[in-house]
């Protein structure tokens, strides 16, 4: 409908672009828009980031656009943007409630630098009752995060792939949480670097750091202690 817009904004998925396409869902409509109205719309949606210059640039691009004039597609675009905004609003509402629940739980997992409410909630939701697991290794196996190794005589592969068994949601949460923890906690970043220097593939090195993180999480959740480097 207006392909040139991608060259004028950092991404299509920002409030100002959504507002633009809900009001003017084609290059044709943007080209005929009143400049003051277009400026005010962009300024309000971008919280002052976009002004008259941006509005002029967008309108000029629309006037020479190769975009199609398709009324049915204009309607579809309006509805698509509306649906995205409604889903974004629901996601925001859910994440606020997740934060409230996590605060009520007062879980020590959030004391680990790098573990956010979202990742922390996913980890706790997937593991459930920690008493079901007799050791951290059982949680690691449940997540399917144990790296499989290939051996041939005296040769062991350092580029092992991750297992695909277990809870993929827990695996996703632990794997990504470990990346952030390695960025924030020197002990973990040093450990990751040590494994990398041993020649291990990044994913295998992360799996080792993940095992370390699972042991920490297990200890915190079963003792109630907060994380202390």
C-alpha atoms as a PDB file:
ATOM      1  CA  UNK A   1       0.000   0.000   0.000  1.00  0.00           C
ATOM      2  CA  UNK A   2       2.909   2.353   0.771  1.00  0.00           C
ATOM      3  CA  UNK A   3       6.262   0.481   0.590  1.00  0.00           C
ATOM      4  CA  UNK A   4       8.354   3.671   0.780  1.00  0.00           C
ATOM      5  CA  UNK A   5       7.359   4.197   4.430  1.00  0.00           C
ATOM      6  CA  UNK A   6       9.970   1.621   5.508  1.00  0.00           C
ATOM      7  CA  UNK A   7      12.756   3.981   4.443  1.00  0.00           C
ATOM      8  CA  UNK A   8      11.364   6.803   6.591  1.00  0.00           C
ATOM      9  CA  UNK A   9      10.911   5.029   9.943  1.00  0.00           C
ATOM     10  CA  UNK A  10      13.114   2.704  12.021  1.00  0.00           C
ATOM     11  CA  UNK A  11      10.449  -0.010  12.054  1.00  0.00           C
ATOM     12  CA  UNK A  12       6.830  -0.418  10.986  1.00  0.00           C
ATOM     13  CA  UNK A  13       5.865  -1.609  14.461  1.00  0.00           C
ATOM     14  CA  UNK A  14       5.790   1.680  16.344  1.00  0.00           C
ATOM     15  CA  UNK A  15       2.852   3.716  17.593  1.00  0.00           C
ATOM     16  CA  UNK A  16       3.261   6.525  15.058  1.00  0.00           C
ATOM     17  CA  UNK A  17       3.129   4.143  12.082  1.00  0.00           C
ATOM     18  CA  UNK A  18       0.129   2.324  13.531  1.00  0.00           C
ATOM     19  CA  UNK A  19      -1.651   5.654  14.032  1.00  0.00           C
ATOM     20  CA  UNK A  20      -0.748   6.725  10.492  1.00  0.00           C
ATOM     21  CA  UNK A  21      -2.168   3.588   8.881  1.00  0.00           C
ATOM     22  CA  UNK A  22      -5.292   3.497  11.016  1.00  0.00           C
ATOM     23  CA  UNK A  23      -6.113   7.006   9.785  1.00  0.00           C
ATOM     24  CA  UNK A  24      -4.599   6.792   6.286  1.00  0.00           C
ATOM     25  CA  UNK A  25      -4.178   3.132   5.236  1.00  0.00           C
ATOM     26  CA  UNK A  26      -2.658   3.827   1.793  1.00  0.00           C
ATOM     27  CA  UNK A  27      -0.207   6.118   0.029  1.00  0.00           C
ATOM     28  CA  UNK A  28      -3.126   7.677  -1.864  1.00  0.00           C
ATOM     29  CA  UNK A  29      -4.852   8.768   1.341  1.00  0.00           C
ATOM     30  CA  UNK A  30      -1.607  10.026   2.904  1.00  0.00           C
ATOM     31  CA  UNK A  31      -0.771  12.007  -0.238  1.00  0.00           C
ATOM     32  CA  UNK A  32      -4.098  13.854   0.030  1.00  0.00           C
ATOM     33  CA  UNK A  33      -3.920  14.393   3.803  1.00  0.00           C
ATOM     34  CA  UNK A  34      -3.912  17.912   5.250  1.00  0.00           C
ATOM     35  CA  UNK A  35      -0.370  18.628   6.450  1.00  0.00           C
ATOM     36  CA  UNK A  36      -1.443  20.115   9.793  1.00  0.00           C
ATOM     37  CA  UNK A  37      -3.663  17.151  10.591  1.00  0.00           C
ATOM     38  CA  UNK A  38      -0.937  14.694   9.535  1.00  0.00           C
ATOM     39  CA  UNK A  39       1.639  16.538  11.648  1.00  0.00           C
ATOM     40  CA  UNK A  40      -0.592  16.551  14.719  1.00  0.00           C
ATOM     41  CA  UNK A  41      -1.357  12.832  14.314  1.00  0.00           C
ATOM     42  CA  UNK A  42       2.322  11.868  14.053  1.00  0.00           C
ATOM     43  CA  UNK A  43       3.399  14.223  16.835  1.00  0.00           C
ATOM     44  CA  UNK A  44       0.800  12.898  19.278  1.00  0.00           C
ATOM     45  CA  UNK A  45       1.442   9.228  18.432  1.00  0.00           C
ATOM     46  CA  UNK A  46       5.236   9.637  18.661  1.00  0.00           C
ATOM     47  CA  UNK A  47       5.013  11.801  21.803  1.00  0.00           C
ATOM     48  CA  UNK A  48       6.647  14.718  20.026  1.00  0.00           C
ATOM     49  CA  UNK A  49       9.394  12.727  18.328  1.00  0.00           C
ATOM     50  CA  UNK A  50       7.953  13.356  14.849  1.00  0.00           C
ATOM     51  CA  UNK A  51       6.939  16.833  13.724  1.00  0.00           C
ATOM     52  CA  UNK A  52       6.172  18.811  10.587  1.00  0.00           C
ATOM     53  CA  UNK A  53       9.381  17.783   8.785  1.00  0.00           C
ATOM     54  CA  UNK A  54       8.607  14.097   9.166  1.00  0.00           C
ATOM     55  CA  UNK A  55       4.992  14.644   8.117  1.00  0.00           C
ATOM     56  CA  UNK A  56       6.148  16.483   4.972  1.00  0.00           C
ATOM     57  CA  UNK A  57       8.669  13.759   4.130  1.00  0.00           C
ATOM     58  CA  UNK A  58       6.014  11.052   4.486  1.00  0.00           C
ATOM     59  CA  UNK A  59       3.467  12.955   2.419  1.00  0.00           C
ATOM     60  CA  UNK A  60       5.982  13.683  -0.344  1.00  0.00           C
ATOM     61  CA  UNK A  61       6.991  10.016  -0.457  1.00  0.00           C
ATOM     62  CA  UNK A  62       3.316   9.060  -0.645  1.00  0.00           C
ATOM     63  CA  UNK A  63       2.766  11.349  -3.621  1.00  0.00           C
ATOM     64  CA  UNK A  64       5.389   9.491  -5.672  1.00  0.00           C
ATOM     65  CA  UNK A  65       4.686   6.065  -4.198  1.00  0.00           C
ATOM     66  CA  UNK A  66       4.359   2.902  -6.256  1.00  0.00           C
ATOM     67  CA  UNK A  67       1.796   1.657  -3.755  1.00  0.00           C
ATOM     68  CA  UNK A  68      -1.471   0.221  -5.036  1.00  0.00           C
ATOM     69  CA  UNK A  69      -4.891   1.777  -4.670  1.00  0.00           C
ATOM     70  CA  UNK A  70      -7.023  -1.073  -3.292  1.00  0.00           C
ATOM     71  CA  UNK A  71      -9.972  -0.070  -1.063  1.00  0.00           C
ATOM     72  CA  UNK A  72     -10.419  -3.639   0.189  1.00  0.00           C
ATOM     73  CA  UNK A  73      -6.769  -3.785   1.252  1.00  0.00           C
ATOM     74  CA  UNK A  74      -7.096  -0.381   2.938  1.00  0.00           C
ATOM     75  CA  UNK A  75      -9.885  -1.792   5.076  1.00  0.00           C
ATOM     76  CA  UNK A  76      -7.857  -4.926   5.801  1.00  0.00           C
ATOM     77  CA  UNK A  77      -4.840  -2.855   6.861  1.00  0.00           C
ATOM     78  CA  UNK A  78      -6.961  -0.749   9.209  1.00  0.00           C
ATOM     79  CA  UNK A  79      -8.337  -3.894  10.860  1.00  0.00           C
ATOM     80  CA  UNK A  80      -4.898  -5.518  11.063  1.00  0.00           C
ATOM     81  CA  UNK A  81      -3.407  -2.509  12.847  1.00  0.00           C
ATOM     82  CA  UNK A  82      -6.397  -2.391  15.199  1.00  0.00           C
ATOM     83  CA  UNK A  83      -5.965  -6.103  15.990  1.00  0.00           C
ATOM     84  CA  UNK A  84      -2.224  -5.693  16.678  1.00  0.00           C
ATOM     85  CA  UNK A  85      -2.913  -2.814  19.065  1.00  0.00           C
ATOM     86  CA  UNK A  86      -5.634  -4.763  20.875  1.00  0.00           C
ATOM     87  CA  UNK A  87      -3.313  -7.765  21.298  1.00  0.00           C
ATOM     88  CA  UNK A  88      -0.489  -5.504  22.496  1.00  0.00           C
ATOM     89  CA  UNK A  89      -2.862  -4.060  25.072  1.00  0.00           C
ATOM     90  CA  UNK A  90      -3.866  -7.536  26.266  1.00  0.00           C
ATOM     91  CA  UNK A  91      -0.208  -8.582  26.500  1.00  0.00           C
ATOM     92  CA  UNK A  92       0.559  -5.490  28.595  1.00  0.00           C
ATOM     93  CA  UNK A  93      -2.362  -6.303  30.905  1.00  0.00           C
ATOM     94  CA  UNK A  94      -1.211  -9.915  31.302  1.00  0.00           C
ATOM     95  CA  UNK A  95       2.383  -8.898  32.014  1.00  0.00           C
ATOM     96  CA  UNK A  96       1.212  -6.460  34.697  1.00  0.00           C
ATOM     97  CA  UNK A  97      -0.720  -9.296  36.328  1.00  0.00           C
ATOM     98  CA  UNK A  98       2.302 -11.635  36.060  1.00  0.00           C
ATOM     99  CA  UNK A  99       4.409  -9.016  37.861  1.00  0.00           C
ATOM    100  CA  UNK A 100       1.784  -8.716  40.597  1.00  0.00           C
ATOM    101  CA  UNK A 101       1.710 -12.498  41.070  1.00  0.00           C
ATOM    102  CA  UNK A 102       5.507 -12.708  41.149  1.00  0.00           C
ATOM    103  CA  UNK A 103       5.643  -9.918  43.735  1.00  0.00           C
ATOM    104  CA  UNK A 104       3.064 -11.775  45.843  1.00  0.00           C
ATOM    105  CA  UNK A 105       5.161 -14.952  45.632  1.00  0.00           C
ATOM    106  CA  UNK A 106       8.253 -13.006  46.729  1.00  0.00           C
ATOM    107  CA  UNK A 107      10.421 -15.565  44.943  1.00  0.00           C
ATOM    108  CA  UNK A 108      14.222 -15.401  45.379  1.00  0.00           C
ATOM    109  CA  UNK A 109      14.706 -16.222  41.686  1.00  0.00           C
ATOM    110  CA  UNK A 110      14.278 -12.504  40.928  1.00  0.00           C
ATOM    111  CA  UNK A 111      17.305 -11.718  43.092  1.00  0.00           C
ATOM    112  CA  UNK A 112      19.519 -13.209  40.358  1.00  0.00           C
ATOM    113  CA  UNK A 113      20.746 -10.334  38.139  1.00  0.00           C
ATOM    114  CA  UNK A 114      19.523 -10.818  34.582  1.00  0.00           C
ATOM    115  CA  UNK A 115      16.351 -12.792  35.391  1.00  0.00           C
ATOM    116  CA  UNK A 116      13.313 -10.675  34.650  1.00  0.00           C
ATOM    117  CA  UNK A 117       9.699 -11.097  35.717  1.00  0.00           C
ATOM    118  CA  UNK A 118       8.886 -12.697  32.357  1.00  0.00           C
ATOM    119  CA  UNK A 119      11.701 -15.280  32.361  1.00  0.00           C
ATOM    120  CA  UNK A 120      11.345 -15.885  36.090  1.00  0.00           C
ATOM    121  CA  UNK A 121       7.618 -16.516  35.746  1.00  0.00           C
ATOM    122  CA  UNK A 122       8.147 -18.923  32.845  1.00  0.00           C
ATOM    123  CA  UNK A 123      10.773 -20.887  34.781  1.00  0.00           C
ATOM    124  CA  UNK A 124       8.637 -21.178  37.926  1.00  0.00           C
ATOM    125  CA  UNK A 125       5.460 -21.983  35.987  1.00  0.00           C
ATOM    126  CA  UNK A 126       7.122 -24.800  34.043  1.00  0.00           C
ATOM    127  CA  UNK A 127       8.978 -26.323  37.010  1.00  0.00           C
ATOM    128  CA  UNK A 128       6.066 -26.016  39.414  1.00  0.00           C
ATOM    129  CA  UNK A 129       6.703 -27.635  42.790  1.00  0.00           C
ATOM    130  CA  UNK A 130      10.459 -27.933  43.295  1.00  0.00           C
ATOM    131  CA  UNK A 131       9.899 -30.806  45.718  1.00  0.00           C
ATOM    132  CA  UNK A 132       9.019 -32.964  42.710  1.00  0.00           C
ATOM    133  CA  UNK A 133      12.704 -32.910  41.786  1.00  0.00           C
ATOM    134  CA  UNK A 134      15.295 -34.573  44.016  1.00  0.00           C
ATOM    135  CA  UNK A 135      18.176 -32.635  42.463  1.00  0.00           C
ATOM    136  CA  UNK A 136      18.962 -29.796  40.038  1.00  0.00           C
ATOM    137  CA  UNK A 137      20.054 -32.396  37.477  1.00  0.00           C
ATOM    138  CA  UNK A 138      16.483 -33.713  37.364  1.00  0.00           C
ATOM    139  CA  UNK A 139      15.253 -30.232  36.426  1.00  0.00           C
ATOM    140  CA  UNK A 140      17.940 -29.962  33.757  1.00  0.00           C
ATOM    141  CA  UNK A 141      16.862 -33.295  32.296  1.00  0.00           C
ATOM    142  CA  UNK A 142      13.202 -32.253  32.490  1.00  0.00           C
ATOM    143  CA  UNK A 143      14.065 -29.142  30.467  1.00  0.00           C
ATOM    144  CA  UNK A 144      15.972 -31.195  27.881  1.00  0.00           C
ATOM    145  CA  UNK A 145      19.023 -28.997  28.315  1.00  0.00           C
ATOM    146  CA  UNK A 146      21.587 -31.764  28.628  1.00  0.00           C
ATOM    147  CA  UNK A 147      23.903 -31.554  25.591  1.00  0.00           C
ATOM    148  CA  UNK A 148      24.284 -34.820  23.693  1.00  0.00           C
ATOM    149  CA  UNK A 149      27.874 -35.722  22.798  1.00  0.00           C
ATOM    150  CA  UNK A 150      29.325 -37.727  19.972  1.00  0.00           C
ATOM    151  CA  UNK A 151      32.351 -39.893  20.574  1.00  0.00           C
ATOM    152  CA  UNK A 152      34.521 -41.815  18.154  1.00  0.00           C
ATOM    153  CA  UNK A 153      37.518 -43.511  19.716  1.00  0.00           C
ATOM    154  CA  UNK A 154      39.394 -40.799  21.605  1.00  0.00           C
ATOM    155  CA  UNK A 155      37.603 -37.955  19.806  1.00  0.00           C
ATOM    156  CA  UNK A 156      34.723 -36.124  21.456  1.00  0.00           C
ATOM    157  CA  UNK A 157      32.752 -33.512  19.507  1.00  0.00           C
ATOM    158  CA  UNK A 158      32.772 -30.004  20.963  1.00  0.00           C
ATOM    159  CA  UNK A 159      29.894 -28.931  18.714  1.00  0.00           C
ATOM    160  CA  UNK A 160      27.198 -31.080  20.306  1.00  0.00           C
ATOM    161  CA  UNK A 161      23.572 -30.241  19.599  1.00  0.00           C
ATOM    162  CA  UNK A 162      20.975 -29.648  22.293  1.00  0.00           C
ATOM    163  CA  UNK A 163      18.491 -32.364  23.097  1.00  0.00           C
ATOM    164  CA  UNK A 164      14.911 -31.731  21.980  1.00  0.00           C
ATOM    165  CA  UNK A 165      13.233 -33.680  24.766  1.00  0.00           C
ATOM    166  CA  UNK A 166      11.497 -32.169  27.776  1.00  0.00           C
ATOM    167  CA  UNK A 167       9.643 -28.902  28.226  1.00  0.00           C
ATOM    168  CA  UNK A 168      10.494 -26.599  25.347  1.00  0.00           C
ATOM    169  CA  UNK A 169       9.079 -23.624  27.272  1.00  0.00           C
ATOM    170  CA  UNK A 170      11.348 -24.295  30.244  1.00  0.00           C
ATOM    171  CA  UNK A 171      14.276 -24.892  27.917  1.00  0.00           C
ATOM    172  CA  UNK A 172      13.604 -21.597  26.153  1.00  0.00           C
ATOM    173  CA  UNK A 173      13.288 -19.680  29.435  1.00  0.00           C
ATOM    174  CA  UNK A 174      16.411 -21.175  31.020  1.00  0.00           C
ATOM    175  CA  UNK A 175      18.515 -20.834  27.877  1.00  0.00           C
ATOM    176  CA  UNK A 176      17.591 -17.168  27.423  1.00  0.00           C
ATOM    177  CA  UNK A 177      17.792 -16.344  31.132  1.00  0.00           C
ATOM    178  CA  UNK A 178      21.302 -17.812  31.191  1.00  0.00           C
ATOM    179  CA  UNK A 179      22.389 -15.487  28.371  1.00  0.00           C
ATOM    180  CA  UNK A 180      21.261 -12.456  30.376  1.00  0.00           C
ATOM    181  CA  UNK A 181      22.738 -13.752  33.634  1.00  0.00           C
ATOM    182  CA  UNK A 182      26.067 -14.247  31.853  1.00  0.00           C
ATOM    183  CA  UNK A 183      25.930 -10.582  30.863  1.00  0.00           C
ATOM    184  CA  UNK A 184      25.172  -9.352  34.373  1.00  0.00           C
ATOM    185  CA  UNK A 185      27.005 -11.720  36.735  1.00  0.00           C
ATOM    186  CA  UNK A 186      30.821 -11.827  36.483  1.00  0.00           C
ATOM    187  CA  UNK A 187      30.985 -15.354  37.903  1.00  0.00           C
ATOM    188  CA  UNK A 188      28.759 -16.627  35.096  1.00  0.00           C
ATOM    189  CA  UNK A 189      30.430 -14.597  32.354  1.00  0.00           C
ATOM    190  CA  UNK A 190      33.829 -15.908  33.466  1.00  0.00           C
ATOM    191  CA  UNK A 191      32.489 -19.458  33.473  1.00  0.00           C
ATOM    192  CA  UNK A 192      31.047 -19.041  29.972  1.00  0.00           C
ATOM    193  CA  UNK A 193      34.327 -17.607  28.706  1.00  0.00           C
ATOM    194  CA  UNK A 194      36.224 -20.507  30.271  1.00  0.00           C
ATOM    195  CA  UNK A 195      34.069 -23.026  28.394  1.00  0.00           C
ATOM    196  CA  UNK A 196      34.465 -21.110  25.149  1.00  0.00           C
ATOM    197  CA  UNK A 197      38.256 -21.127  25.555  1.00  0.00           C
ATOM    198  CA  UNK A 198      38.058 -24.900  25.961  1.00  0.00           C
ATOM    199  CA  UNK A 199      36.808 -24.934  22.376  1.00  0.00           C
ATOM    200  CA  UNK A 200      33.163 -25.582  23.097  1.00  0.00           C
ATOM    201  CA  UNK A 201      30.501 -24.344  20.704  1.00  0.00           C
ATOM    202  CA  UNK A 202      28.558 -21.347  22.046  1.00  0.00           C
ATOM    203  CA  UNK A 203      25.345 -23.330  22.587  1.00  0.00           C
ATOM    204  CA  UNK A 204      27.241 -26.064  24.444  1.00  0.00           C
ATOM    205  CA  UNK A 205      29.027 -23.455  26.572  1.00  0.00           C
ATOM    206  CA  UNK A 206      25.667 -21.828  27.370  1.00  0.00           C
ATOM    207  CA  UNK A 207      24.275 -25.241  28.360  1.00  0.00           C
ATOM    208  CA  UNK A 208      27.091 -25.589  30.890  1.00  0.00           C
ATOM    209  CA  UNK A 209      26.335 -22.129  32.280  1.00  0.00           C
ATOM    210  CA  UNK A 210      22.648 -23.089  32.288  1.00  0.00           C
ATOM    211  CA  UNK A 211      23.405 -26.126  34.423  1.00  0.00           C
ATOM    212  CA  UNK A 212      25.186 -23.838  36.864  1.00  0.00           C
ATOM    213  CA  UNK A 213      22.173 -21.495  36.868  1.00  0.00           C
ATOM    214  CA  UNK A 214      19.736 -24.342  37.503  1.00  0.00           C
ATOM    215  CA  UNK A 215      21.785 -25.376  40.545  1.00  0.00           C
ATOM    216  CA  UNK A 216      21.613 -21.821  41.853  1.00  0.00           C
ATOM    217  CA  UNK A 217      17.864 -21.556  41.214  1.00  0.00           C
ATOM    218  CA  UNK A 218      17.233 -24.920  42.888  1.00  0.00           C
ATOM    219  CA  UNK A 219      19.190 -23.843  45.968  1.00  0.00           C
ATOM    220  CA  UNK A 220      17.416 -20.487  46.230  1.00  0.00           C
ATOM    221  CA  UNK A 221      13.931 -21.932  45.771  1.00  0.00           C
ATOM    222  CA  UNK A 222      14.447 -24.787  48.244  1.00  0.00           C
ATOM    223  CA  UNK A 223      16.127 -22.649  50.947  1.00  0.00           C
ATOM    224  CA  UNK A 224      14.390 -19.311  50.437  1.00  0.00           C
ATOM    225  CA  UNK A 225      17.762 -17.547  50.323  1.00  0.00           C
ATOM    226  CA  UNK A 226      18.400 -14.625  47.986  1.00  0.00           C
ATOM    227  CA  UNK A 227      21.177 -14.756  45.441  1.00  0.00           C
ATOM    228  CA  UNK A 228      24.602 -13.834  46.768  1.00  0.00           C
ATOM    229  CA  UNK A 229      27.545 -13.977  44.323  1.00  0.00           C
END
